[in-house]
Amino acid sequence: MNIPDTAPGPETGLSPLLQTWRVGVPLDAGFKARVWRRIANDGAPAGWRLGAALRAWLDQMFARPLWSIGYALLLMSAGLIAGYWQATEQSARWDQAMATRYVQSVDPSFHLTAEP
């Protein structure tokens, strides 16, 4: 049988004081209804939402510093690779344009055969 501990402590002096304390301010009319509505809404499952599930997963993953650093490095690497690829494409286009301009400046017959 569980017998409450009656050893003297801060709880034994506080308990009678809390039992004698009364609130003198009246509550507004809809207070109880709002409280019961919040209790009813809190117990009901909110349903499965993709955004909420993703946010919870990200919060759980990024709570670990190692995952956060790894994710940041992954994004930086992806950005660098995409930038390098874009720069390569742009450089190839410029090389082609410069070669065409060079041929136009050197070959006088190129103007006659080139499209208008």
PDB file of N, CA and C in Angstrom:
ATOM      1  N   MET A   1       0.836  -1.167   0.000  1.00  0.00           N
ATOM      2  CA  MET A   1       0.000   0.000   0.000  1.00  0.00           C
ATOM      3  C   MET A   1       0.886   1.237   0.000  1.00  0.00           C
ATOM      4  N   ASN A   2       0.523   2.236  -0.792  1.00  0.00           N
ATOM      5  CA  ASN A   2       1.283   3.477  -0.861  1.00  0.00           C
ATOM      6  C   ASN A   2       0.829   4.430   0.221  1.00  0.00           C
ATOM      7  N   ILE A   3       1.744   4.767   1.083  1.00  0.00           N
ATOM      8  CA  ILE A   3       1.466   5.732   2.144  1.00  0.00           C
ATOM      9  C   ILE A   3       2.209   7.012   1.793  1.00  0.00           C
ATOM     10  N   PRO A   4       1.507   8.163   1.772  1.00  0.00           N
ATOM     11  CA  PRO A   4       2.194   9.393   1.421  1.00  0.00           C
ATOM     12  C   PRO A   4       3.287   9.712   2.423  1.00  0.00           C
ATOM     13  N   ASP A   5       4.357  10.247   1.902  1.00  0.00           N
ATOM     14  CA  ASP A   5       5.501  10.616   2.731  1.00  0.00           C
ATOM     15  C   ASP A   5       5.137  11.854   3.545  1.00  0.00           C
ATOM     16  N   THR A   6       5.249  11.758   4.847  1.00  0.00           N
ATOM     17  CA  THR A   6       4.878  12.869   5.719  1.00  0.00           C
ATOM     18  C   THR A   6       6.095  13.566   6.292  1.00  0.00           C
ATOM     19  N   ALA A   7       7.247  13.373   5.634  1.00  0.00           N
ATOM     20  CA  ALA A   7       8.453  14.032   6.124  1.00  0.00           C
ATOM     21  C   ALA A   7       8.316  15.534   5.934  1.00  0.00           C
ATOM     22  N   PRO A   8       8.798  16.310   6.900  1.00  0.00           N
ATOM     23  CA  PRO A   8       8.688  17.764   6.765  1.00  0.00           C
ATOM     24  C   PRO A   8       9.542  18.260   5.599  1.00  0.00           C
ATOM     25  N   GLY A   9       9.013  19.193   4.873  1.00  0.00           N
ATOM     26  CA  GLY A   9       9.707  19.751   3.723  1.00  0.00           C
ATOM     27  C   GLY A   9       8.952  20.956   3.209  1.00  0.00           C
ATOM     28  N   PRO A  10       9.378  21.509   2.102  1.00  0.00           N
ATOM     29  CA  PRO A  10       8.697  22.696   1.591  1.00  0.00           C
ATOM     30  C   PRO A  10       7.271  22.412   1.140  1.00  0.00           C
ATOM     31  N   GLU A  11       6.978  21.150   0.723  1.00  0.00           N
ATOM     32  CA  GLU A  11       5.634  20.823   0.263  1.00  0.00           C
ATOM     33  C   GLU A  11       4.622  20.806   1.404  1.00  0.00           C
ATOM     34  N   THR A  12       5.038  20.385   2.604  1.00  0.00           N
ATOM     35  CA  THR A  12       4.086  20.282   3.710  1.00  0.00           C
ATOM     36  C   THR A  12       3.620  21.646   4.180  1.00  0.00           C
ATOM     37  N   GLY A  13       4.425  22.659   4.107  1.00  0.00           N
ATOM     38  CA  GLY A  13       4.005  23.999   4.507  1.00  0.00           C
ATOM     39  C   GLY A  13       3.236  24.715   3.416  1.00  0.00           C
ATOM     40  N   LEU A  14       3.462  24.324   2.170  1.00  0.00           N
ATOM     41  CA  LEU A  14       2.818  24.992   1.048  1.00  0.00           C
ATOM     42  C   LEU A  14       1.424  24.453   0.780  1.00  0.00           C
ATOM     43  N   SER A  15       1.198  23.184   1.019  1.00  0.00           N
ATOM     44  CA  SER A  15      -0.079  22.558   0.709  1.00  0.00           C
ATOM     45  C   SER A  15      -1.263  23.212   1.434  1.00  0.00           C
ATOM     46  N   PRO A  16      -1.199  23.426   2.752  1.00  0.00           N
ATOM     47  CA  PRO A  16      -2.341  24.093   3.405  1.00  0.00           C
ATOM     48  C   PRO A  16      -2.546  25.516   2.907  1.00  0.00           C
ATOM     49  N   LEU A  17      -1.463  26.200   2.583  1.00  0.00           N
ATOM     50  CA  LEU A  17      -1.579  27.571   2.093  1.00  0.00           C
ATOM     51  C   LEU A  17      -2.287  27.593   0.737  1.00  0.00           C
ATOM     52  N   LEU A  18      -1.950  26.644  -0.145  1.00  0.00           N
ATOM     53  CA  LEU A  18      -2.607  26.587  -1.444  1.00  0.00           C
ATOM     54  C   LEU A  18      -4.082  26.214  -1.324  1.00  0.00           C
ATOM     55  N   GLN A  19      -4.430  25.394  -0.350  1.00  0.00           N
ATOM     56  CA  GLN A  19      -5.829  24.999  -0.179  1.00  0.00           C
ATOM     57  C   GLN A  19      -6.677  26.148   0.342  1.00  0.00           C
ATOM     58  N   THR A  20      -6.106  27.086   1.054  1.00  0.00           N
ATOM     59  CA  THR A  20      -6.871  28.224   1.581  1.00  0.00           C
ATOM     60  C   THR A  20      -6.931  29.382   0.590  1.00  0.00           C
ATOM     61  N   TRP A  21      -6.135  29.345  -0.450  1.00  0.00           N
ATOM     62  CA  TRP A  21      -6.084  30.455  -1.408  1.00  0.00           C
ATOM     63  C   TRP A  21      -7.298  30.430  -2.323  1.00  0.00           C
ATOM     64  N   ARG A  22      -7.928  31.549  -2.510  1.00  0.00           N
ATOM     65  CA  ARG A  22      -9.101  31.681  -3.376  1.00  0.00           C
ATOM     66  C   ARG A  22      -8.901  32.860  -4.328  1.00  0.00           C
ATOM     67  N   VAL A  23      -9.418  32.711  -5.545  1.00  0.00           N
ATOM     68  CA  VAL A  23      -9.351  33.774  -6.538  1.00  0.00           C
ATOM     69  C   VAL A  23     -10.578  34.653  -6.371  1.00  0.00           C
ATOM     70  N   GLY A  24     -10.368  35.969  -6.281  1.00  0.00           N
ATOM     71  CA  GLY A  24     -11.487  36.884  -6.076  1.00  0.00           C
ATOM     72  C   GLY A  24     -11.985  37.525  -7.356  1.00  0.00           C
ATOM     73  N   VAL A  25     -11.330  37.301  -8.486  1.00  0.00           N
ATOM     74  CA  VAL A  25     -11.736  37.910  -9.752  1.00  0.00           C
ATOM     75  C   VAL A  25     -12.677  36.946 -10.474  1.00  0.00           C
ATOM     76  N   PRO A  26     -13.864  37.414 -10.870  1.00  0.00           N
ATOM     77  CA  PRO A  26     -14.780  36.510 -11.590  1.00  0.00           C
ATOM     78  C   PRO A  26     -14.294  36.292 -13.028  1.00  0.00           C
ATOM     79  N   LEU A  27     -14.579  35.111 -13.534  1.00  0.00           N
ATOM     80  CA  LEU A  27     -14.193  34.770 -14.901  1.00  0.00           C
ATOM     81  C   LEU A  27     -15.238  35.288 -15.876  1.00  0.00           C
ATOM     82  N   ASP A  28     -14.824  35.567 -17.111  1.00  0.00           N
ATOM     83  CA  ASP A  28     -15.782  36.028 -18.109  1.00  0.00           C
ATOM     84  C   ASP A  28     -16.722  34.892 -18.508  1.00  0.00           C
ATOM     85  N   ALA A  29     -17.759  35.237 -19.233  1.00  0.00           N
ATOM     86  CA  ALA A  29     -18.845  34.289 -19.519  1.00  0.00           C
ATOM     87  C   ALA A  29     -18.399  33.091 -20.358  1.00  0.00           C
ATOM     88  N   GLY A  30     -17.537  33.277 -21.353  1.00  0.00           N
ATOM     89  CA  GLY A  30     -17.172  32.191 -22.251  1.00  0.00           C
ATOM     90  C   GLY A  30     -15.904  31.452 -21.863  1.00  0.00           C
ATOM     91  N   PHE A  31     -15.397  31.688 -20.654  1.00  0.00           N
ATOM     92  CA  PHE A  31     -14.129  31.086 -20.260  1.00  0.00           C
ATOM     93  C   PHE A  31     -14.201  29.568 -20.225  1.00  0.00           C
ATOM     94  N   LYS A  32     -15.197  29.023 -19.552  1.00  0.00           N
ATOM     95  CA  LYS A  32     -15.307  27.564 -19.429  1.00  0.00           C
ATOM     96  C   LYS A  32     -15.516  26.910 -20.795  1.00  0.00           C
ATOM     97  N   ALA A  33     -16.320  27.535 -21.651  1.00  0.00           N
ATOM     98  CA  ALA A  33     -16.570  26.971 -22.985  1.00  0.00           C
ATOM     99  C   ALA A  33     -15.276  26.954 -23.800  1.00  0.00           C
ATOM    100  N   ARG A  34     -14.485  28.020 -23.699  1.00  0.00           N
ATOM    101  CA  ARG A  34     -13.219  28.055 -24.428  1.00  0.00           C
ATOM    102  C   ARG A  34     -12.249  27.006 -23.906  1.00  0.00           C
ATOM    103  N   VAL A  35     -12.225  26.827 -22.589  1.00  0.00           N
ATOM    104  CA  VAL A  35     -11.337  25.823 -22.006  1.00  0.00           C
ATOM    105  C   VAL A  35     -11.720  24.436 -22.491  1.00  0.00           C
ATOM    106  N   TRP A  36     -13.012  24.099 -22.465  1.00  0.00           N
ATOM    107  CA  TRP A  36     -13.444  22.777 -22.896  1.00  0.00           C
ATOM    108  C   TRP A  36     -13.240  22.586 -24.398  1.00  0.00           C
ATOM    109  N   ARG A  37     -13.388  23.646 -25.182  1.00  0.00           N
ATOM    110  CA  ARG A  37     -13.141  23.556 -26.620  1.00  0.00           C
ATOM    111  C   ARG A  37     -11.660  23.274 -26.886  1.00  0.00           C
ATOM    112  N   ARG A  38     -10.779  23.952 -26.149  1.00  0.00           N
ATOM    113  CA  ARG A  38      -9.343  23.708 -26.324  1.00  0.00           C
ATOM    114  C   ARG A  38      -8.970  22.288 -25.907  1.00  0.00           C
ATOM    115  N   ILE A  39      -9.572  21.799 -24.840  1.00  0.00           N
ATOM    116  CA  ILE A  39      -9.308  20.426 -24.399  1.00  0.00           C
ATOM    117  C   ILE A  39      -9.780  19.438 -25.461  1.00  0.00           C
ATOM    118  N   ALA A  40     -10.949  19.674 -26.028  1.00  0.00           N
ATOM    119  CA  ALA A  40     -11.471  18.772 -27.061  1.00  0.00           C
ATOM    120  C   ALA A  40     -10.603  18.818 -28.317  1.00  0.00           C
ATOM    121  N   ASN A  41     -10.136  19.992 -28.710  1.00  0.00           N
ATOM    122  CA  ASN A  41      -9.295  20.118 -29.905  1.00  0.00           C
ATOM    123  C   ASN A  41      -7.903  19.558 -29.672  1.00  0.00           C
ATOM    124  N   ASP A  42      -7.415  19.640 -28.462  1.00  0.00           N
ATOM    125  CA  ASP A  42      -6.080  19.135 -28.162  1.00  0.00           C
ATOM    126  C   ASP A  42      -6.030  17.613 -28.238  1.00  0.00           C
ATOM    127  N   GLY A  43      -7.092  16.954 -27.843  1.00  0.00           N
ATOM    128  CA  GLY A  43      -7.105  15.499 -27.834  1.00  0.00           C
ATOM    129  C   GLY A  43      -7.349  14.900 -29.206  1.00  0.00           C
ATOM    130  N   ALA A  44      -7.950  15.648 -30.122  1.00  0.00           N
ATOM    131  CA  ALA A  44      -8.271  15.123 -31.445  1.00  0.00           C
ATOM    132  C   ALA A  44      -7.022  15.140 -32.323  1.00  0.00           C
ATOM    133  N   PRO A  45      -6.793  14.074 -33.080  1.00  0.00           N
ATOM    134  CA  PRO A  45      -5.635  14.075 -33.980  1.00  0.00           C
ATOM    135  C   PRO A  45      -5.842  15.095 -35.095  1.00  0.00           C
ATOM    136  N   ALA A  46      -4.793  15.797 -35.435  1.00  0.00           N
ATOM    137  CA  ALA A  46      -4.876  16.850 -36.448  1.00  0.00           C
ATOM    138  C   ALA A  46      -4.882  16.277 -37.861  1.00  0.00           C
ATOM    139  N   GLY A  47      -4.628  15.012 -38.011  1.00  0.00           N
ATOM    140  CA  GLY A  47      -4.567  14.426 -39.340  1.00  0.00           C
ATOM    141  C   GLY A  47      -3.139  14.469 -39.854  1.00  0.00           C
ATOM    142  N   TRP A  48      -2.892  13.727 -40.898  1.00  0.00           N
ATOM    143  CA  TRP A  48      -1.556  13.661 -41.450  1.00  0.00           C
ATOM    144  C   TRP A  48      -1.408  14.726 -42.519  1.00  0.00           C
ATOM    145  N   ARG A  49      -0.509  15.632 -42.287  1.00  0.00           N
ATOM    146  CA  ARG A  49      -0.227  16.683 -43.258  1.00  0.00           C
ATOM    147  C   ARG A  49       1.229  16.545 -43.678  1.00  0.00           C
ATOM    148  N   LEU A  50       1.465  16.620 -44.963  1.00  0.00           N
ATOM    149  CA  LEU A  50       2.808  16.449 -45.490  1.00  0.00           C
ATOM    150  C   LEU A  50       3.747  17.533 -44.974  1.00  0.00           C
ATOM    151  N   GLY A  51       3.268  18.771 -44.946  1.00  0.00           N
ATOM    152  CA  GLY A  51       4.102  19.869 -44.478  1.00  0.00           C
ATOM    153  C   GLY A  51       4.502  19.710 -43.021  1.00  0.00           C
ATOM    154  N   ALA A  52       3.559  19.321 -42.186  1.00  0.00           N
ATOM    155  CA  ALA A  52       3.846  19.139 -40.764  1.00  0.00           C
ATOM    156  C   ALA A  52       4.802  17.968 -40.545  1.00  0.00           C
ATOM    157  N   ALA A  53       4.599  16.893 -41.311  1.00  0.00           N
ATOM    158  CA  ALA A  53       5.485  15.733 -41.173  1.00  0.00           C
ATOM    159  C   ALA A  53       6.895  16.072 -41.637  1.00  0.00           C
ATOM    160  N   LEU A  54       7.009  16.812 -42.732  1.00  0.00           N
ATOM    161  CA  LEU A  54       8.324  17.211 -43.239  1.00  0.00           C
ATOM    162  C   LEU A  54       9.017  18.153 -42.261  1.00  0.00           C
ATOM    163  N   ARG A  55       8.267  19.094 -41.722  1.00  0.00           N
ATOM    164  CA  ARG A  55       8.836  20.026 -40.747  1.00  0.00           C
ATOM    165  C   ARG A  55       9.313  19.299 -39.494  1.00  0.00           C
ATOM    166  N   ALA A  56       8.543  18.338 -39.027  1.00  0.00           N
ATOM    167  CA  ALA A  56       8.946  17.574 -37.840  1.00  0.00           C
ATOM    168  C   ALA A  56      10.199  16.752 -38.137  1.00  0.00           C
ATOM    169  N   TRP A  57      10.258  16.156 -39.334  1.00  0.00           N
ATOM    170  CA  TRP A  57      11.439  15.372 -39.695  1.00  0.00           C
ATOM    171  C   TRP A  57      12.677  16.258 -39.788  1.00  0.00           C
ATOM    172  N   LEU A  58      12.534  17.428 -40.424  1.00  0.00           N
ATOM    173  CA  LEU A  58      13.668  18.348 -40.536  1.00  0.00           C
ATOM    174  C   LEU A  58      14.114  18.858 -39.171  1.00  0.00           C
ATOM    175  N   ASP A  59      13.155  19.163 -38.304  1.00  0.00           N
ATOM    176  CA  ASP A  59      13.513  19.593 -36.948  1.00  0.00           C
ATOM    177  C   ASP A  59      14.296  18.513 -36.220  1.00  0.00           C
ATOM    178  N   GLN A  60      13.873  17.275 -36.397  1.00  0.00           N
ATOM    179  CA  GLN A  60      14.555  16.164 -35.738  1.00  0.00           C
ATOM    180  C   GLN A  60      15.955  15.960 -36.318  1.00  0.00           C
ATOM    181  N   MET A  61      16.091  16.063 -37.641  1.00  0.00           N
ATOM    182  CA  MET A  61      17.393  15.849 -38.268  1.00  0.00           C
ATOM    183  C   MET A  61      18.371  16.976 -37.955  1.00  0.00           C
ATOM    184  N   PHE A  62      17.897  18.219 -38.004  1.00  0.00           N
ATOM    185  CA  PHE A  62      18.800  19.345 -37.815  1.00  0.00           C
ATOM    186  C   PHE A  62      19.059  19.647 -36.351  1.00  0.00           C
ATOM    187  N   ALA A  63      18.472  18.886 -35.467  1.00  0.00           N
ATOM    188  CA  ALA A  63      18.814  19.017 -34.057  1.00  0.00           C
ATOM    189  C   ALA A  63      20.199  18.418 -33.806  1.00  0.00           C
ATOM    190  N   ARG A  64      20.635  17.583 -34.731  1.00  0.00           N
ATOM    191  CA  ARG A  64      21.962  16.978 -34.641  1.00  0.00           C
ATOM    192  C   ARG A  64      22.945  17.824 -35.453  1.00  0.00           C
ATOM    193  N   PRO A  65      23.998  18.337 -34.823  1.00  0.00           N
ATOM    194  CA  PRO A  65      24.942  19.201 -35.545  1.00  0.00           C
ATOM    195  C   PRO A  65      25.609  18.509 -36.731  1.00  0.00           C
ATOM    196  N   LEU A  66      25.873  17.230 -36.626  1.00  0.00           N
ATOM    197  CA  LEU A  66      26.533  16.522 -37.718  1.00  0.00           C
ATOM    198  C   LEU A  66      25.662  16.511 -38.973  1.00  0.00           C
ATOM    199  N   TRP A  67      24.365  16.281 -38.818  1.00  0.00           N
ATOM    200  CA  TRP A  67      23.446  16.297 -39.956  1.00  0.00           C
ATOM    201  C   TRP A  67      23.362  17.686 -40.559  1.00  0.00           C
ATOM    202  N   SER A  68      23.344  18.712 -39.711  1.00  0.00           N
ATOM    203  CA  SER A  68      23.255  20.087 -40.213  1.00  0.00           C
ATOM    204  C   SER A  68      24.481  20.437 -41.041  1.00  0.00           C
ATOM    205  N   ILE A  69      25.645  20.078 -40.552  1.00  0.00           N
ATOM    206  CA  ILE A  69      26.881  20.368 -41.278  1.00  0.00           C
ATOM    207  C   ILE A  69      26.917  19.583 -42.586  1.00  0.00           C
ATOM    208  N   GLY A  70      26.527  18.325 -42.538  1.00  0.00           N
ATOM    209  CA  GLY A  70      26.499  17.502 -43.747  1.00  0.00           C
ATOM    210  C   GLY A  70      25.536  18.046 -44.793  1.00  0.00           C
ATOM    211  N   TYR A  71      24.357  18.489 -44.362  1.00  0.00           N
ATOM    212  CA  TYR A  71      23.380  19.047 -45.288  1.00  0.00           C
ATOM    213  C   TYR A  71      23.896  20.343 -45.901  1.00  0.00           C
ATOM    214  N   ALA A  72      24.517  21.190 -45.087  1.00  0.00           N
ATOM    215  CA  ALA A  72      25.079  22.444 -45.602  1.00  0.00           C
ATOM    216  C   ALA A  72      26.181  22.151 -46.622  1.00  0.00           C
ATOM    217  N   LEU A  73      27.035  21.179 -46.341  1.00  0.00           N
ATOM    218  CA  LEU A  73      28.086  20.815 -47.291  1.00  0.00           C
ATOM    219  C   LEU A  73      27.505  20.241 -48.580  1.00  0.00           C
ATOM    220  N   LEU A  74      26.453  19.447 -48.465  1.00  0.00           N
ATOM    221  CA  LEU A  74      25.797  18.896 -49.648  1.00  0.00           C
ATOM    222  C   LEU A  74      25.230  20.009 -50.524  1.00  0.00           C
ATOM    223  N   LEU A  75      24.555  20.981 -49.912  1.00  0.00           N
ATOM    224  CA  LEU A  75      23.992  22.083 -50.689  1.00  0.00           C
ATOM    225  C   LEU A  75      25.080  22.944 -51.328  1.00  0.00           C
ATOM    226  N   MET A  76      26.154  23.193 -50.586  1.00  0.00           N
ATOM    227  CA  MET A  76      27.249  23.984 -51.157  1.00  0.00           C
ATOM    228  C   MET A  76      27.900  23.241 -52.320  1.00  0.00           C
ATOM    229  N   SER A  77      28.088  21.929 -52.193  1.00  0.00           N
ATOM    230  CA  SER A  77      28.669  21.140 -53.277  1.00  0.00           C
ATOM    231  C   SER A  77      27.762  21.149 -54.504  1.00  0.00           C
ATOM    232  N   ALA A  78      26.464  21.002 -54.291  1.00  0.00           N
ATOM    233  CA  ALA A  78      25.525  21.033 -55.412  1.00  0.00           C
ATOM    234  C   ALA A  78      25.562  22.397 -56.101  1.00  0.00           C
ATOM    235  N   GLY A  79      25.655  23.466 -55.324  1.00  0.00           N
ATOM    236  CA  GLY A  79      25.754  24.799 -55.911  1.00  0.00           C
ATOM    237  C   GLY A  79      27.030  24.997 -56.698  1.00  0.00           C
ATOM    238  N   LEU A  80      28.129  24.502 -56.181  1.00  0.00           N
ATOM    239  CA  LEU A  80      29.395  24.615 -56.902  1.00  0.00           C
ATOM    240  C   LEU A  80      29.382  23.812 -58.198  1.00  0.00           C
ATOM    241  N   ILE A  81      28.845  22.614 -58.161  1.00  0.00           N
ATOM    242  CA  ILE A  81      28.770  21.784 -59.367  1.00  0.00           C
ATOM    243  C   ILE A  81      27.866  22.441 -60.410  1.00  0.00           C
ATOM    244  N   ALA A  82      26.719  22.957 -59.978  1.00  0.00           N
ATOM    245  CA  ALA A  82      25.812  23.623 -60.913  1.00  0.00           C
ATOM    246  C   ALA A  82      26.468  24.877 -61.499  1.00  0.00           C
ATOM    247  N   GLY A  83      27.183  25.626 -60.688  1.00  0.00           N
ATOM    248  CA  GLY A  83      27.882  26.811 -61.185  1.00  0.00           C
ATOM    249  C   GLY A  83      28.981  26.461 -62.164  1.00  0.00           C
ATOM    250  N   TYR A  84      29.720  25.414 -61.878  1.00  0.00           N
ATOM    251  CA  TYR A  84      30.783  24.974 -62.791  1.00  0.00           C
ATOM    252  C   TYR A  84      30.195  24.521 -64.126  1.00  0.00           C
ATOM    253  N   TRP A  85      29.100  23.777 -64.069  1.00  0.00           N
ATOM    254  CA  TRP A  85      28.445  23.305 -65.289  1.00  0.00           C
ATOM    255  C   TRP A  85      27.941  24.480 -66.118  1.00  0.00           C
ATOM    256  N   GLN A  86      27.327  25.455 -65.454  1.00  0.00           N
ATOM    257  CA  GLN A  86      26.817  26.637 -66.145  1.00  0.00           C
ATOM    258  C   GLN A  86      27.966  27.436 -66.771  1.00  0.00           C
ATOM    259  N   ALA A  87      29.069  27.591 -66.039  1.00  0.00           N
ATOM    260  CA  ALA A  87      30.218  28.328 -66.558  1.00  0.00           C
ATOM    261  C   ALA A  87      30.831  27.611 -67.763  1.00  0.00           C
ATOM    262  N   THR A  88      30.859  26.285 -67.747  1.00  0.00           N
ATOM    263  CA  THR A  88      31.382  25.518 -68.880  1.00  0.00           C
ATOM    264  C   THR A  88      30.519  25.723 -70.121  1.00  0.00           C
ATOM    265  N   GLU A  89      29.206  25.697 -69.930  1.00  0.00           N
ATOM    266  CA  GLU A  89      28.288  25.922 -71.046  1.00  0.00           C
ATOM    267  C   GLU A  89      28.473  27.330 -71.616  1.00  0.00           C
ATOM    268  N   GLN A  90      28.559  28.318 -70.748  1.00  0.00           N
ATOM    269  CA  GLN A  90      28.726  29.698 -71.195  1.00  0.00           C
ATOM    270  C   GLN A  90      30.063  29.883 -71.910  1.00  0.00           C
ATOM    271  N   SER A  91      31.107  29.278 -71.405  1.00  0.00           N
ATOM    272  CA  SER A  91      32.427  29.373 -72.024  1.00  0.00           C
ATOM    273  C   SER A  91      32.417  28.741 -73.409  1.00  0.00           C
ATOM    274  N   ALA A  92      31.735  27.615 -73.574  1.00  0.00           N
ATOM    275  CA  ALA A  92      31.647  26.971 -74.889  1.00  0.00           C
ATOM    276  C   ALA A  92      30.906  27.867 -75.878  1.00  0.00           C
ATOM    277  N   ARG A  93      29.839  28.532 -75.421  1.00  0.00           N
ATOM    278  CA  ARG A  93      29.109  29.456 -76.294  1.00  0.00           C
ATOM    279  C   ARG A  93      29.980  30.635 -76.703  1.00  0.00           C
ATOM    280  N   TRP A  94      30.744  31.176 -75.763  1.00  0.00           N
ATOM    281  CA  TRP A  94      31.621  32.302 -76.078  1.00  0.00           C
ATOM    282  C   TRP A  94      32.726  31.887 -77.052  1.00  0.00           C
ATOM    283  N   ASP A  95      33.275  30.701 -76.828  1.00  0.00           N
ATOM    284  CA  ASP A  95      34.307  30.213 -77.751  1.00  0.00           C
ATOM    285  C   ASP A  95      33.750  30.106 -79.167  1.00  0.00           C
ATOM    286  N   GLN A  96      32.554  29.594 -79.318  1.00  0.00           N
ATOM    287  CA  GLN A  96      31.923  29.471 -80.636  1.00  0.00           C
ATOM    288  C   GLN A  96      31.689  30.843 -81.256  1.00  0.00           C
ATOM    289  N   ALA A  97      31.206  31.779 -80.449  1.00  0.00           N
ATOM    290  CA  ALA A  97      30.955  33.123 -80.964  1.00  0.00           C
ATOM    291  C   ALA A  97      32.250  33.809 -81.376  1.00  0.00           C
ATOM    292  N   MET A  98      33.300  33.641 -80.585  1.00  0.00           N
ATOM    293  CA  MET A  98      34.587  34.260 -80.924  1.00  0.00           C
ATOM    294  C   MET A  98      35.196  33.637 -82.175  1.00  0.00           C
ATOM    295  N   ALA A  99      35.050  32.332 -82.343  1.00  0.00           N
ATOM    296  CA  ALA A  99      35.552  31.668 -83.547  1.00  0.00           C
ATOM    297  C   ALA A  99      34.813  32.174 -84.782  1.00  0.00           C
ATOM    298  N   THR A 100      33.501  32.335 -84.656  1.00  0.00           N
ATOM    299  CA  THR A 100      32.715  32.847 -85.777  1.00  0.00           C
ATOM    300  C   THR A 100      33.129  34.269 -86.113  1.00  0.00           C
ATOM    301  N   ARG A 101      33.313  35.116 -85.135  1.00  0.00           N
ATOM    302  CA  ARG A 101      33.736  36.500 -85.381  1.00  0.00           C
ATOM    303  C   ARG A 101      35.125  36.553 -86.021  1.00  0.00           C
ATOM    304  N   TYR A 102      36.008  35.661 -85.582  1.00  0.00           N
ATOM    305  CA  TYR A 102      37.354  35.639 -86.162  1.00  0.00           C
ATOM    306  C   TYR A 102      37.292  35.273 -87.641  1.00  0.00           C
ATOM    307  N   VAL A 103      36.505  34.245 -87.943  1.00  0.00           N
ATOM    308  CA  VAL A 103      36.378  33.825 -89.339  1.00  0.00           C
ATOM    309  C   VAL A 103      35.766  34.958 -90.160  1.00  0.00           C
ATOM    310  N   GLN A 104      34.789  35.659 -89.615  1.00  0.00           N
ATOM    311  CA  GLN A 104      34.169  36.780 -90.324  1.00  0.00           C
ATOM    312  C   GLN A 104      35.178  37.889 -90.595  1.00  0.00           C
ATOM    313  N   SER A 105      36.063  38.149 -89.653  1.00  0.00           N
ATOM    314  CA  SER A 105      37.023  39.238 -89.826  1.00  0.00           C
ATOM    315  C   SER A 105      38.150  38.877 -90.786  1.00  0.00           C
ATOM    316  N   VAL A 106      38.493  37.603 -90.924  1.00  0.00           N
ATOM    317  CA  VAL A 106      39.619  37.188 -91.760  1.00  0.00           C
ATOM    318  C   VAL A 106      39.171  36.808 -93.166  1.00  0.00           C
ATOM    319  N   ASP A 107      38.088  36.114 -93.310  1.00  0.00           N
ATOM    320  CA  ASP A 107      37.654  35.568 -94.591  1.00  0.00           C
ATOM    321  C   ASP A 107      36.647  36.515 -95.259  1.00  0.00           C
ATOM    322  N   PRO A 108      37.036  37.147 -96.355  1.00  0.00           N
ATOM    323  CA  PRO A 108      36.112  38.058 -97.014  1.00  0.00           C
ATOM    324  C   PRO A 108      34.943  37.332 -97.709  1.00  0.00           C
ATOM    325  N   SER A 109      35.125  36.093 -98.095  1.00  0.00           N
ATOM    326  CA  SER A 109      34.040  35.377 -98.766  1.00  0.00           C
ATOM    327  C   SER A 109      33.005  34.831 -97.776  1.00  0.00           C
ATOM    328  N   PHE A 110      33.324  34.871 -96.494  1.00  0.00           N
ATOM    329  CA  PHE A 110      32.375  34.383 -95.485  1.00  0.00           C
ATOM    330  C   PHE A 110      31.113  35.233 -95.467  1.00  0.00           C
ATOM    331  N   HIS A 111      31.247  36.520 -95.737  1.00  0.00           N
ATOM    332  CA  HIS A 111      30.083  37.409 -95.739  1.00  0.00           C
ATOM    333  C   HIS A 111      29.123  37.060 -96.852  1.00  0.00           C
ATOM    334  N   LEU A 112      29.649  36.539 -97.955  1.00  0.00           N
ATOM    335  CA  LEU A 112      28.797  36.196 -99.070  1.00  0.00           C
ATOM    336  C   LEU A 112      28.027  34.893 -98.835  1.00  0.00           C
ATOM    337  N   THR A 113      28.628  33.958 -98.104  1.00  0.00           N
ATOM    338  CA  THR A 113      27.984  32.657 -97.863  1.00  0.00           C
ATOM    339  C   THR A 113      27.196  32.616 -96.554  1.00  0.00           C
ATOM    340  N   ALA A 114      27.426  33.580 -95.688  1.00  0.00           N
ATOM    341  CA  ALA A 114      26.737  33.576 -94.388  1.00  0.00           C
ATOM    342  C   ALA A 114      25.277  33.955 -94.550  1.00  0.00           C
ATOM    343  N   GLU A 115      24.468  33.468 -93.652  1.00  0.00           N
ATOM    344  CA  GLU A 115      23.029  33.790 -93.669  1.00  0.00           C
ATOM    345  C   GLU A 115      22.841  35.246 -93.271  1.00  0.00           C
ATOM    346  N   PRO A 116      21.855  35.947 -93.859  1.00  0.00           N
ATOM    347  CA  PRO A 116      21.636  37.343 -93.486  1.00  0.00           C
ATOM    348  C   PRO A 116      21.015  37.498 -92.118  1.00  0.00           C
TER     349      PRO A 116
END
